[in-house]
């Protein structure tokens, strides 16, 4: 197991230290992707060659593996958490998931 230093000397402008740390850690550890929802952080991560996935995308991947019921999780995400996402965005992702898994 490799230990990564807690302090990062260079923060990316326009995003908070936690997002900067996540980007640095993903780059240093050669992660498959970095989980990031905020647009500014996503742009920076992509600009340095990282693959980015958001919370909704990660949940979609889990549903594709039959680890969860996507509709149920989206409903809980909206009703039981402080996660902010539009109903339209969730509806589009759910419809795309259903279409891919309906055989059409």
Protein backbone atom coordinates (compact mmCIF):
# COMPACT_ATOMS: atom_id res chain seq x y z
CA UNK A 1 0.00 0.00 0.00
CA UNK A 2 1.36 3.39 -0.93
CA UNK A 3 0.85 6.30 1.45
CA UNK A 4 0.12 9.66 -0.15
CA UNK A 5 1.05 12.92 1.58
CA UNK A 6 -1.89 14.69 3.17
CA UNK A 7 -0.71 18.15 2.17
CA UNK A 8 -0.80 19.14 -1.45
CA UNK A 9 1.36 22.07 -2.33
CA UNK A 10 -0.41 22.99 -5.56
CA UNK A 11 -4.15 23.54 -5.59
CA UNK A 12 -6.05 23.99 -8.80
CA UNK A 13 -7.65 27.43 -9.15
CA UNK A 14 -11.42 27.60 -9.10
CA UNK A 15 -12.05 24.45 -7.09
CA UNK A 16 -11.85 23.66 -3.40
CA UNK A 17 -8.93 21.85 -1.73
CA UNK A 18 -10.86 18.58 -1.48
CA UNK A 19 -11.47 18.44 -5.21
CA UNK A 20 -7.82 19.36 -5.85
CA UNK A 21 -6.73 16.56 -3.54
CA UNK A 22 -8.99 14.05 -5.32
CA UNK A 23 -7.55 15.06 -8.70
CA UNK A 24 -3.96 14.85 -7.45
CA UNK A 25 -4.59 11.46 -5.84
CA UNK A 26 -6.26 10.07 -8.97
CA UNK A 27 -3.37 11.26 -11.12
CA UNK A 28 -0.67 10.02 -8.73
CA UNK A 29 -2.28 6.62 -8.23
CA UNK A 30 -3.11 6.20 -11.94
CA UNK A 31 -6.77 5.66 -11.07
CA UNK A 32 -9.19 4.42 -13.71
CA UNK A 33 -11.31 7.49 -13.06
CA UNK A 34 -11.97 10.24 -10.55
CA UNK A 35 -15.43 10.70 -9.02
CA UNK A 36 -16.34 14.36 -9.41
CA UNK A 37 -19.70 16.10 -9.81
CA UNK A 38 -18.74 19.77 -9.99
CA UNK A 39 -18.18 21.09 -13.50
CA UNK A 40 -15.02 23.11 -12.76
CA UNK A 41 -13.34 20.10 -11.17
CA UNK A 42 -14.45 17.84 -14.03
CA UNK A 43 -12.92 20.23 -16.58
CA UNK A 44 -9.61 20.37 -14.73
CA UNK A 45 -9.47 16.59 -14.29
CA UNK A 46 -10.18 16.03 -17.99
CA UNK A 47 -7.62 18.66 -18.98
CA UNK A 48 -4.85 16.66 -17.30
CA UNK A 49 -5.93 13.39 -18.87
CA UNK A 50 -8.11 11.85 -16.18
CA UNK A 51 -11.32 10.01 -16.90
CA UNK A 52 -14.18 11.46 -14.86
CA UNK A 53 -17.42 9.94 -13.66
CA UNK A 54 -20.13 11.62 -11.61
CA UNK A 55 -22.32 10.22 -8.89
CA UNK A 56 -25.19 9.55 -11.28
CA UNK A 57 -22.87 7.82 -13.75
CA UNK A 58 -21.37 5.67 -11.01
CA UNK A 59 -24.84 4.64 -9.86
CA UNK A 60 -25.70 3.79 -13.48
CA UNK A 61 -22.67 1.51 -13.71
CA UNK A 62 -23.66 -0.20 -10.47
CA UNK A 63 -27.18 -0.75 -11.86
CA UNK A 64 -25.72 -2.26 -15.03
CA UNK A 65 -23.98 -4.82 -12.81
CA UNK A 66 -27.33 -5.49 -11.08
CA UNK A 67 -25.98 -4.20 -7.78
CA UNK A 68 -28.89 -1.80 -7.27
CA UNK A 69 -32.26 -0.71 -8.62
CA UNK A 70 -31.53 2.55 -10.43
CA UNK A 71 -35.05 3.96 -10.21
CA UNK A 72 -35.21 3.29 -6.47
CA UNK A 73 -31.78 4.82 -5.87
CA UNK A 74 -32.58 7.92 -7.95
CA UNK A 75 -35.77 8.42 -5.94
CA UNK A 76 -33.86 8.08 -2.65
CA UNK A 77 -31.15 10.41 -3.95
CA UNK A 78 -33.75 13.11 -4.55
CA UNK A 79 -35.88 12.58 -1.44
CA UNK A 80 -33.45 11.47 1.25
CA UNK A 81 -30.19 13.29 0.54
CA UNK A 82 -28.92 16.81 -0.06
CA UNK A 83 -27.53 15.83 -3.48
CA UNK A 84 -28.72 18.38 -6.01
CA UNK A 85 -29.58 17.27 -9.51
CA UNK A 86 -32.47 18.13 -11.79
CA UNK A 87 -35.40 15.78 -12.25
CA UNK A 88 -34.89 16.15 -16.00
CA UNK A 89 -31.27 14.96 -15.78
CA UNK A 90 -32.20 11.93 -13.67
CA UNK A 91 -35.15 11.16 -15.93
CA UNK A 92 -32.96 11.24 -19.04
CA UNK A 93 -30.38 8.94 -17.45
CA UNK A 94 -33.06 6.53 -16.25
CA UNK A 95 -34.67 6.45 -19.69
CA UNK A 96 -31.29 5.80 -21.35
CA UNK A 97 -30.64 2.96 -18.89
CA UNK A 98 -34.07 1.41 -19.52
CA UNK A 99 -33.62 1.68 -23.29
CA UNK A 100 -30.21 -0.06 -23.19
CA UNK A 101 -31.59 -2.87 -21.05
CA UNK A 102 -34.87 -3.40 -22.88
CA UNK A 103 -33.18 -5.02 -25.87
CA UNK A 104 -34.23 -2.20 -28.24
